[in-house]
């Protein structure tokens, strides 16, 4: 997987020419860009040509090995990686950085060998047998509104219990769609999560890997700084979430920093002004 990060690909902009994932991310140091009241936030997604974030409920069938290599290299540059419960359950997450070489790369940058895994769930209705809980690697922090007690896990885990937030009807409708995230969206206040991560945990840079409802929550409070999107060379043609779902429109203007191409796949990085 790590070797994919160094294979030649085409940079279409800003300066057309050969590049690689490793070269393109060289100098990208989000931990140096933390805000006073929240981490620097980047969101990573893969999407079909017709704008869907999943096929049969999962994002995996859309992207390629190169897209996976981009994701893994991004994970070496952030203090924490955040996911909603629906994404965790659908994708069966394991250790966030499974490759020892990648963990060593993090340490050379002055980061802990594993990023903090942040999970959002109101109900604690999680697949507790998923590898992220059973392999013992890394650390997990769960934000929830549930009073339930999580089971014992091999991977060290802590819970932060938040007061339930109001959930707009539109958000409930988005969560009810195929591939939606009812246990992630129902009442976990994303602004409180970001403030806690920055002030209480010292998180400077946070990579969010979805799902679409969590992305919608972040965009609604203008808390997304970078958006990485891989456009896979496939279409879905079926009802599935877009990369952003939410209760209300959240129009924001993005700047395209770079656009890469490998065969028929496009990889873009957008930034948003705060």
C-alpha atoms as a PDB file:
ATOM      1  CA  UNK A   1       0.000   0.000   0.000  1.00  0.00           C
ATOM      2  CA  UNK A   2       2.735   2.460   0.942  1.00  0.00           C
ATOM      3  CA  UNK A   3       4.409   1.927  -2.429  1.00  0.00           C
ATOM      4  CA  UNK A   4       1.317   3.268  -4.173  1.00  0.00           C
ATOM      5  CA  UNK A   5       2.017   6.682  -2.638  1.00  0.00           C
ATOM      6  CA  UNK A   6       5.164   7.051  -4.742  1.00  0.00           C
ATOM      7  CA  UNK A   7       3.953   5.869  -8.159  1.00  0.00           C
ATOM      8  CA  UNK A   8       3.892   8.582 -10.857  1.00  0.00           C
ATOM      9  CA  UNK A   9       0.571  10.313 -11.440  1.00  0.00           C
ATOM     10  CA  UNK A  10      -0.431  13.414 -13.398  1.00  0.00           C
ATOM     11  CA  UNK A  11      -0.902  16.791 -11.747  1.00  0.00           C
ATOM     12  CA  UNK A  12      -3.428  18.729 -13.832  1.00  0.00           C
ATOM     13  CA  UNK A  13      -3.234  21.911 -11.744  1.00  0.00           C
ATOM     14  CA  UNK A  14      -1.908  24.241 -10.510  1.00  0.00           C
ATOM     15  CA  UNK A  15       1.229  23.355 -12.472  1.00  0.00           C
ATOM     16  CA  UNK A  16       0.708  20.455 -14.895  1.00  0.00           C
ATOM     17  CA  UNK A  17       3.347  17.773 -14.647  1.00  0.00           C
ATOM     18  CA  UNK A  18       4.298  14.481 -13.010  1.00  0.00           C
ATOM     19  CA  UNK A  19       3.841  14.043  -9.270  1.00  0.00           C
ATOM     20  CA  UNK A  20       2.931  11.427  -6.666  1.00  0.00           C
ATOM     21  CA  UNK A  21       0.776  11.321  -3.560  1.00  0.00           C
ATOM     22  CA  UNK A  22       3.901  11.522  -1.415  1.00  0.00           C
ATOM     23  CA  UNK A  23       5.208  14.547  -3.301  1.00  0.00           C
ATOM     24  CA  UNK A  24       1.820  16.252  -3.349  1.00  0.00           C
ATOM     25  CA  UNK A  25       1.431  15.995   0.421  1.00  0.00           C
ATOM     26  CA  UNK A  26       5.006  17.055   1.098  1.00  0.00           C
ATOM     27  CA  UNK A  27       4.845  20.233   3.143  1.00  0.00           C
ATOM     28  CA  UNK A  28       1.204  19.720   4.142  1.00  0.00           C
ATOM     29  CA  UNK A  29       1.327  20.151   7.918  1.00  0.00           C
ATOM     30  CA  UNK A  30      -2.185  20.730   9.277  1.00  0.00           C
ATOM     31  CA  UNK A  31      -0.990  20.496  12.907  1.00  0.00           C
ATOM     32  CA  UNK A  32       0.645  23.896  12.376  1.00  0.00           C
ATOM     33  CA  UNK A  33      -2.686  25.453  11.381  1.00  0.00           C
ATOM     34  CA  UNK A  34      -4.811  24.806  14.492  1.00  0.00           C
ATOM     35  CA  UNK A  35      -7.450  27.368  15.434  1.00  0.00           C
ATOM     36  CA  UNK A  36      -7.671  28.717  18.965  1.00  0.00           C
ATOM     37  CA  UNK A  37     -11.098  27.202  19.632  1.00  0.00           C
ATOM     38  CA  UNK A  38     -11.054  24.083  17.438  1.00  0.00           C
ATOM     39  CA  UNK A  39      -8.696  21.823  15.491  1.00  0.00           C
ATOM     40  CA  UNK A  40      -7.830  22.404  11.861  1.00  0.00           C
ATOM     41  CA  UNK A  41     -10.348  20.137  10.126  1.00  0.00           C
ATOM     42  CA  UNK A  42      -9.940  18.246   6.860  1.00  0.00           C
ATOM     43  CA  UNK A  43     -12.605  15.957   5.413  1.00  0.00           C
ATOM     44  CA  UNK A  44     -11.811  13.071   3.075  1.00  0.00           C
ATOM     45  CA  UNK A  45     -14.327  11.404   0.751  1.00  0.00           C
ATOM     46  CA  UNK A  46     -14.569   9.276  -2.349  1.00  0.00           C
ATOM     47  CA  UNK A  47     -17.502   9.861  -4.713  1.00  0.00           C
ATOM     48  CA  UNK A  48     -18.988   8.310  -7.830  1.00  0.00           C
ATOM     49  CA  UNK A  49     -19.406  10.256 -11.057  1.00  0.00           C
ATOM     50  CA  UNK A  50     -23.088  10.703 -10.198  1.00  0.00           C
ATOM     51  CA  UNK A  51     -22.159  12.181  -6.833  1.00  0.00           C
ATOM     52  CA  UNK A  52     -22.812   9.302  -4.446  1.00  0.00           C
ATOM     53  CA  UNK A  53     -20.642   8.461  -1.442  1.00  0.00           C
ATOM     54  CA  UNK A  54     -21.467   4.744  -1.215  1.00  0.00           C
ATOM     55  CA  UNK A  55     -22.342   1.698  -3.293  1.00  0.00           C
ATOM     56  CA  UNK A  56     -24.363  -0.903  -1.409  1.00  0.00           C
ATOM     57  CA  UNK A  57     -23.792   1.115   1.755  1.00  0.00           C
ATOM     58  CA  UNK A  58     -19.994   1.227   1.546  1.00  0.00           C
ATOM     59  CA  UNK A  59     -17.441   3.643   0.117  1.00  0.00           C
ATOM     60  CA  UNK A  60     -14.830   0.946  -0.511  1.00  0.00           C
ATOM     61  CA  UNK A  61     -16.145  -0.161  -3.940  1.00  0.00           C
ATOM     62  CA  UNK A  62     -15.780   3.381  -5.331  1.00  0.00           C
ATOM     63  CA  UNK A  63     -12.107   4.105  -4.724  1.00  0.00           C
ATOM     64  CA  UNK A  64      -8.927   2.407  -5.913  1.00  0.00           C
ATOM     65  CA  UNK A  65      -5.736   1.329  -4.190  1.00  0.00           C
ATOM     66  CA  UNK A  66      -4.382   4.777  -5.017  1.00  0.00           C
ATOM     67  CA  UNK A  67      -7.279   6.434  -3.203  1.00  0.00           C
ATOM     68  CA  UNK A  68      -6.577   4.182  -0.209  1.00  0.00           C
ATOM     69  CA  UNK A  69      -2.911   5.228  -0.332  1.00  0.00           C
ATOM     70  CA  UNK A  70      -3.950   8.896  -0.234  1.00  0.00           C
ATOM     71  CA  UNK A  71      -6.117   8.200   2.800  1.00  0.00           C
ATOM     72  CA  UNK A  72      -3.328   6.387   4.619  1.00  0.00           C
ATOM     73  CA  UNK A  73      -0.818   9.160   3.919  1.00  0.00           C
ATOM     74  CA  UNK A  74      -3.300  11.757   5.165  1.00  0.00           C
ATOM     75  CA  UNK A  75      -3.670   9.794   8.400  1.00  0.00           C
ATOM     76  CA  UNK A  76       0.049  10.235   9.079  1.00  0.00           C
ATOM     77  CA  UNK A  77      -0.391  14.023   9.316  1.00  0.00           C
ATOM     78  CA  UNK A  78      -3.253  14.469  11.793  1.00  0.00           C
ATOM     79  CA  UNK A  79      -3.531  14.181  15.565  1.00  0.00           C
ATOM     80  CA  UNK A  80      -6.931  12.468  15.325  1.00  0.00           C
ATOM     81  CA  UNK A  81      -9.267  10.756  12.856  1.00  0.00           C
ATOM     82  CA  UNK A  82     -13.040  11.141  13.335  1.00  0.00           C
ATOM     83  CA  UNK A  83     -15.892   8.970  12.047  1.00  0.00           C
ATOM     84  CA  UNK A  84     -19.589   8.618  12.680  1.00  0.00           C
ATOM     85  CA  UNK A  85     -21.120   5.392  13.937  1.00  0.00           C
ATOM     86  CA  UNK A  86     -22.709   4.589  10.591  1.00  0.00           C
ATOM     87  CA  UNK A  87     -19.362   4.803   8.816  1.00  0.00           C
ATOM     88  CA  UNK A  88     -17.621   2.686  11.436  1.00  0.00           C
ATOM     89  CA  UNK A  89     -20.287  -0.015  11.271  1.00  0.00           C
ATOM     90  CA  UNK A  90     -20.467  -0.063   7.467  1.00  0.00           C
ATOM     91  CA  UNK A  91     -16.720  -0.048   6.813  1.00  0.00           C
ATOM     92  CA  UNK A  92     -15.672  -2.249   9.755  1.00  0.00           C
ATOM     93  CA  UNK A  93     -12.784  -0.015  10.774  1.00  0.00           C
ATOM     94  CA  UNK A  94      -9.561  -1.481  12.088  1.00  0.00           C
ATOM     95  CA  UNK A  95      -6.468   0.191  13.499  1.00  0.00           C
ATOM     96  CA  UNK A  96      -6.323   3.696  12.027  1.00  0.00           C
ATOM     97  CA  UNK A  97      -2.661   3.364  10.964  1.00  0.00           C
ATOM     98  CA  UNK A  98      -2.042  -0.384  10.593  1.00  0.00           C
ATOM     99  CA  UNK A  99       1.364  -0.158   8.878  1.00  0.00           C
ATOM    100  CA  UNK A 100       4.359   0.110  11.278  1.00  0.00           C
ATOM    101  CA  UNK A 101       6.264   2.114   8.661  1.00  0.00           C
ATOM    102  CA  UNK A 102       3.457   4.661   8.551  1.00  0.00           C
ATOM    103  CA  UNK A 103       3.395   4.854  12.350  1.00  0.00           C
ATOM    104  CA  UNK A 104       7.148   5.440  12.310  1.00  0.00           C
ATOM    105  CA  UNK A 105       6.575   8.232   9.782  1.00  0.00           C
ATOM    106  CA  UNK A 106       4.166   9.853  12.236  1.00  0.00           C
ATOM    107  CA  UNK A 107       6.722   9.662  15.020  1.00  0.00           C
ATOM    108  CA  UNK A 108       9.364  11.317  12.832  1.00  0.00           C
ATOM    109  CA  UNK A 109       6.941  14.228  12.484  1.00  0.00           C
ATOM    110  CA  UNK A 110       6.604  14.465  16.247  1.00  0.00           C
ATOM    111  CA  UNK A 111       3.156  12.849  16.354  1.00  0.00           C
ATOM    112  CA  UNK A 112       2.054   9.893  18.503  1.00  0.00           C
ATOM    113  CA  UNK A 113       2.493   6.590  16.668  1.00  0.00           C
ATOM    114  CA  UNK A 114      -1.310   6.235  16.406  1.00  0.00           C
ATOM    115  CA  UNK A 115      -3.795   9.043  15.830  1.00  0.00           C
ATOM    116  CA  UNK A 116      -6.635   9.286  18.322  1.00  0.00           C
ATOM    117  CA  UNK A 117      -9.715   7.531  16.878  1.00  0.00           C
ATOM    118  CA  UNK A 118     -12.786   9.713  17.515  1.00  0.00           C
ATOM    119  CA  UNK A 119     -16.217   8.111  17.155  1.00  0.00           C
ATOM    120  CA  UNK A 120     -19.565   9.933  17.216  1.00  0.00           C
ATOM    121  CA  UNK A 121     -22.635   8.000  18.318  1.00  0.00           C
ATOM    122  CA  UNK A 122     -25.705   8.966  20.297  1.00  0.00           C
ATOM    123  CA  UNK A 123     -26.788   5.425  21.074  1.00  0.00           C
ATOM    124  CA  UNK A 124     -23.519   3.493  21.530  1.00  0.00           C
ATOM    125  CA  UNK A 125     -25.037   1.081  19.002  1.00  0.00           C
ATOM    126  CA  UNK A 126     -21.694   0.064  17.542  1.00  0.00           C
ATOM    127  CA  UNK A 127     -20.262  -3.123  16.099  1.00  0.00           C
ATOM    128  CA  UNK A 128     -18.152  -3.877  19.148  1.00  0.00           C
ATOM    129  CA  UNK A 129     -16.497  -6.808  17.400  1.00  0.00           C
ATOM    130  CA  UNK A 130     -15.041  -4.511  14.710  1.00  0.00           C
ATOM    131  CA  UNK A 131     -11.228  -4.723  14.549  1.00  0.00           C
ATOM    132  CA  UNK A 132     -10.790  -1.164  15.805  1.00  0.00           C
ATOM    133  CA  UNK A 133     -12.040  -2.364  19.209  1.00  0.00           C
ATOM    134  CA  UNK A 134     -10.397  -5.790  19.256  1.00  0.00           C
ATOM    135  CA  UNK A 135      -6.868  -5.339  17.877  1.00  0.00           C
ATOM    136  CA  UNK A 136      -5.551  -3.374  20.857  1.00  0.00           C
ATOM    137  CA  UNK A 137      -3.735  -0.747  18.794  1.00  0.00           C
ATOM    138  CA  UNK A 138      -4.154   2.976  19.284  1.00  0.00           C
ATOM    139  CA  UNK A 139      -6.646   4.877  21.454  1.00  0.00           C
ATOM    140  CA  UNK A 140     -10.371   5.535  21.061  1.00  0.00           C
ATOM    141  CA  UNK A 141     -12.468   8.470  22.268  1.00  0.00           C
ATOM    142  CA  UNK A 142     -16.249   8.175  21.889  1.00  0.00           C
ATOM    143  CA  UNK A 143     -18.609  11.155  22.034  1.00  0.00           C
ATOM    144  CA  UNK A 144     -22.137  10.092  22.910  1.00  0.00           C
ATOM    145  CA  UNK A 145     -25.381  11.258  24.488  1.00  0.00           C
ATOM    146  CA  UNK A 146     -26.134   7.777  25.841  1.00  0.00           C
ATOM    147  CA  UNK A 147     -25.945   6.847  29.515  1.00  0.00           C
ATOM    148  CA  UNK A 148     -25.186   3.229  28.615  1.00  0.00           C
ATOM    149  CA  UNK A 149     -21.876   1.663  29.593  1.00  0.00           C
ATOM    150  CA  UNK A 150     -19.744   0.446  26.678  1.00  0.00           C
ATOM    151  CA  UNK A 151     -18.371  -3.098  26.830  1.00  0.00           C
ATOM    152  CA  UNK A 152     -14.776  -3.841  27.706  1.00  0.00           C
ATOM    153  CA  UNK A 153     -12.538  -3.487  24.651  1.00  0.00           C
ATOM    154  CA  UNK A 154      -8.973  -4.556  23.982  1.00  0.00           C
ATOM    155  CA  UNK A 155      -8.199  -1.146  22.486  1.00  0.00           C
ATOM    156  CA  UNK A 156      -8.094   1.540  25.202  1.00  0.00           C
ATOM    157  CA  UNK A 157     -11.376   3.490  25.121  1.00  0.00           C
ATOM    158  CA  UNK A 158     -12.892   6.486  26.859  1.00  0.00           C
ATOM    159  CA  UNK A 159     -16.367   8.041  26.575  1.00  0.00           C
ATOM    160  CA  UNK A 160     -17.309  11.710  26.706  1.00  0.00           C
ATOM    161  CA  UNK A 161     -21.009  12.155  27.400  1.00  0.00           C
ATOM    162  CA  UNK A 162     -22.607  15.257  25.910  1.00  0.00           C
ATOM    163  CA  UNK A 163     -25.970  16.851  26.560  1.00  0.00           C
ATOM    164  CA  UNK A 164     -28.338  15.912  23.696  1.00  0.00           C
ATOM    165  CA  UNK A 165     -28.714  18.550  21.010  1.00  0.00           C
ATOM    166  CA  UNK A 166     -31.880  19.241  19.066  1.00  0.00           C
ATOM    167  CA  UNK A 167     -32.033  17.294  15.802  1.00  0.00           C
ATOM    168  CA  UNK A 168     -33.776  19.092  12.898  1.00  0.00           C
ATOM    169  CA  UNK A 169     -36.302  17.012  10.990  1.00  0.00           C
ATOM    170  CA  UNK A 170     -34.271  17.303   7.804  1.00  0.00           C
ATOM    171  CA  UNK A 171     -31.283  15.707   9.488  1.00  0.00           C
ATOM    172  CA  UNK A 172     -33.431  12.783  10.609  1.00  0.00           C
ATOM    173  CA  UNK A 173     -34.658  12.354   7.039  1.00  0.00           C
ATOM    174  CA  UNK A 174     -31.081  12.329   5.731  1.00  0.00           C
ATOM    175  CA  UNK A 175     -30.118   9.722   8.309  1.00  0.00           C
ATOM    176  CA  UNK A 176     -33.051   7.544   7.260  1.00  0.00           C
ATOM    177  CA  UNK A 177     -31.900   7.322   3.634  1.00  0.00           C
ATOM    178  CA  UNK A 178     -29.993   4.276   2.433  1.00  0.00           C
ATOM    179  CA  UNK A 179     -26.490   4.519   3.849  1.00  0.00           C
ATOM    180  CA  UNK A 180     -27.518   7.201   6.358  1.00  0.00           C
ATOM    181  CA  UNK A 181     -26.156   7.452   9.899  1.00  0.00           C
ATOM    182  CA  UNK A 182     -28.988   7.560  12.435  1.00  0.00           C
ATOM    183  CA  UNK A 183     -26.762   6.717  15.401  1.00  0.00           C
ATOM    184  CA  UNK A 184     -24.229   9.366  14.437  1.00  0.00           C
ATOM    185  CA  UNK A 185     -26.536  12.292  13.789  1.00  0.00           C
ATOM    186  CA  UNK A 186     -29.113  11.995  16.557  1.00  0.00           C
ATOM    187  CA  UNK A 187     -28.128  14.654  19.016  1.00  0.00           C
ATOM    188  CA  UNK A 188     -24.318  14.753  19.138  1.00  0.00           C
ATOM    189  CA  UNK A 189     -23.401  18.438  18.969  1.00  0.00           C
ATOM    190  CA  UNK A 190     -20.419  18.700  16.633  1.00  0.00           C
ATOM    191  CA  UNK A 191     -19.333  22.125  17.904  1.00  0.00           C
ATOM    192  CA  UNK A 192     -19.018  20.756  21.430  1.00  0.00           C
ATOM    193  CA  UNK A 193     -16.960  17.857  20.070  1.00  0.00           C
ATOM    194  CA  UNK A 194     -14.502  20.179  18.330  1.00  0.00           C
ATOM    195  CA  UNK A 195     -14.130  22.447  21.364  1.00  0.00           C
ATOM    196  CA  UNK A 196     -13.505  19.482  23.640  1.00  0.00           C
ATOM    197  CA  UNK A 197     -10.902  18.008  21.293  1.00  0.00           C
ATOM    198  CA  UNK A 198      -9.007  21.283  21.094  1.00  0.00           C
ATOM    199  CA  UNK A 199      -9.260  22.470  24.685  1.00  0.00           C
ATOM    200  CA  UNK A 200      -9.327  19.227  26.655  1.00  0.00           C
ATOM    201  CA  UNK A 201      -7.313  16.862  24.443  1.00  0.00           C
ATOM    202  CA  UNK A 202      -4.914  19.243  22.716  1.00  0.00           C
ATOM    203  CA  UNK A 203      -5.931  18.073  19.232  1.00  0.00           C
ATOM    204  CA  UNK A 204      -4.524  20.481  16.671  1.00  0.00           C
ATOM    205  CA  UNK A 205      -5.542  18.770  13.425  1.00  0.00           C
ATOM    206  CA  UNK A 206      -8.516  16.480  12.834  1.00  0.00           C
ATOM    207  CA  UNK A 207      -9.190  14.314   9.773  1.00  0.00           C
ATOM    208  CA  UNK A 208     -12.872  13.461   9.333  1.00  0.00           C
ATOM    209  CA  UNK A 209     -13.667  10.436   7.179  1.00  0.00           C
ATOM    210  CA  UNK A 210     -17.430  10.744   7.275  1.00  0.00           C
ATOM    211  CA  UNK A 211     -19.994   9.981   6.846  1.00  0.00           C
ATOM    212  CA  UNK A 212     -22.047  12.478   4.855  1.00  0.00           C
ATOM    213  CA  UNK A 213     -24.202  13.572   7.814  1.00  0.00           C
ATOM    214  CA  UNK A 214     -21.173  14.316   9.975  1.00  0.00           C
ATOM    215  CA  UNK A 215     -19.746  16.275   7.029  1.00  0.00           C
ATOM    216  CA  UNK A 216     -23.007  18.193   6.850  1.00  0.00           C
ATOM    217  CA  UNK A 217     -22.782  19.047  10.541  1.00  0.00           C
ATOM    218  CA  UNK A 218     -19.234  20.330  10.122  1.00  0.00           C
ATOM    219  CA  UNK A 219     -20.105  22.432   7.076  1.00  0.00           C
ATOM    220  CA  UNK A 220     -23.169  23.859   8.812  1.00  0.00           C
ATOM    221  CA  UNK A 221     -20.926  25.526  11.409  1.00  0.00           C
ATOM    222  CA  UNK A 222     -18.240  26.381   8.828  1.00  0.00           C
ATOM    223  CA  UNK A 223     -15.712  24.119  10.532  1.00  0.00           C
ATOM    224  CA  UNK A 224     -14.209  22.457   7.427  1.00  0.00           C
ATOM    225  CA  UNK A 225     -10.858  23.866   6.313  1.00  0.00           C
ATOM    226  CA  UNK A 226      -9.862  21.318   3.648  1.00  0.00           C
ATOM    227  CA  UNK A 227     -11.880  18.852   1.591  1.00  0.00           C
ATOM    228  CA  UNK A 228     -10.103  15.975  -0.155  1.00  0.00           C
ATOM    229  CA  UNK A 229     -12.273  14.229  -2.743  1.00  0.00           C
ATOM    230  CA  UNK A 230     -11.456  11.311  -5.005  1.00  0.00           C
ATOM    231  CA  UNK A 231     -13.823  10.963  -7.956  1.00  0.00           C
ATOM    232  CA  UNK A 232     -13.954   7.293  -8.846  1.00  0.00           C
ATOM    233  CA  UNK A 233     -14.511   6.196 -12.440  1.00  0.00           C
ATOM    234  CA  UNK A 234     -17.899   4.614 -11.753  1.00  0.00           C
ATOM    235  CA  UNK A 235     -21.553   5.504 -11.317  1.00  0.00           C
ATOM    236  CA  UNK A 236     -24.015   4.283  -8.731  1.00  0.00           C
ATOM    237  CA  UNK A 237     -27.440   4.844 -10.234  1.00  0.00           C
ATOM    238  CA  UNK A 238     -29.040   3.928  -6.910  1.00  0.00           C
ATOM    239  CA  UNK A 239     -30.332   5.942  -3.942  1.00  0.00           C
ATOM    240  CA  UNK A 240     -27.352   6.629  -1.722  1.00  0.00           C
ATOM    241  CA  UNK A 241     -26.038   9.621   0.255  1.00  0.00           C
ATOM    242  CA  UNK A 242     -23.970  12.325  -1.351  1.00  0.00           C
ATOM    243  CA  UNK A 243     -20.716  13.319   0.297  1.00  0.00           C
ATOM    244  CA  UNK A 244     -22.692  15.942   2.230  1.00  0.00           C
ATOM    245  CA  UNK A 245     -26.106  15.447   3.810  1.00  0.00           C
ATOM    246  CA  UNK A 246     -27.848  17.765   6.236  1.00  0.00           C
ATOM    247  CA  UNK A 247     -31.002  19.529   7.290  1.00  0.00           C
ATOM    248  CA  UNK A 248     -30.358  22.896   5.651  1.00  0.00           C
ATOM    249  CA  UNK A 249     -28.332  24.216   2.700  1.00  0.00           C
ATOM    250  CA  UNK A 250     -24.793  25.173   3.642  1.00  0.00           C
ATOM    251  CA  UNK A 251     -23.439  27.085   0.625  1.00  0.00           C
ATOM    252  CA  UNK A 252     -19.734  27.838   0.874  1.00  0.00           C
ATOM    253  CA  UNK A 253     -17.233  28.835  -1.785  1.00  0.00           C
ATOM    254  CA  UNK A 254     -14.215  26.541  -2.106  1.00  0.00           C
ATOM    255  CA  UNK A 255     -10.817  27.090  -3.670  1.00  0.00           C
ATOM    256  CA  UNK A 256      -9.335  24.253  -5.738  1.00  0.00           C
ATOM    257  CA  UNK A 257      -5.746  23.841  -4.541  1.00  0.00           C
ATOM    258  CA  UNK A 258      -4.803  20.946  -6.774  1.00  0.00           C
ATOM    259  CA  UNK A 259      -6.210  18.325  -9.097  1.00  0.00           C
ATOM    260  CA  UNK A 260      -4.508  15.006  -9.821  1.00  0.00           C
ATOM    261  CA  UNK A 261      -5.307  12.251 -12.292  1.00  0.00           C
ATOM    262  CA  UNK A 262      -4.418   8.594 -12.424  1.00  0.00           C
ATOM    263  CA  UNK A 263      -5.944   6.744 -15.352  1.00  0.00           C
ATOM    264  CA  UNK A 264      -9.664   7.673 -15.085  1.00  0.00           C
ATOM    265  CA  UNK A 265      -9.621   8.676 -11.423  1.00  0.00           C
ATOM    266  CA  UNK A 266      -9.439  12.306 -10.248  1.00  0.00           C
ATOM    267  CA  UNK A 267      -8.196  13.479  -6.860  1.00  0.00           C
ATOM    268  CA  UNK A 268      -8.828  17.039  -5.674  1.00  0.00           C
ATOM    269  CA  UNK A 269      -8.049  19.170  -2.662  1.00  0.00           C
ATOM    270  CA  UNK A 270     -10.336  22.111  -1.914  1.00  0.00           C
ATOM    271  CA  UNK A 271      -9.933  24.695   0.836  1.00  0.00           C
ATOM    272  CA  UNK A 272     -12.519  26.909   2.540  1.00  0.00           C
ATOM    273  CA  UNK A 273     -11.974  30.357   3.987  1.00  0.00           C
ATOM    274  CA  UNK A 274     -12.893  30.577   7.672  1.00  0.00           C
END
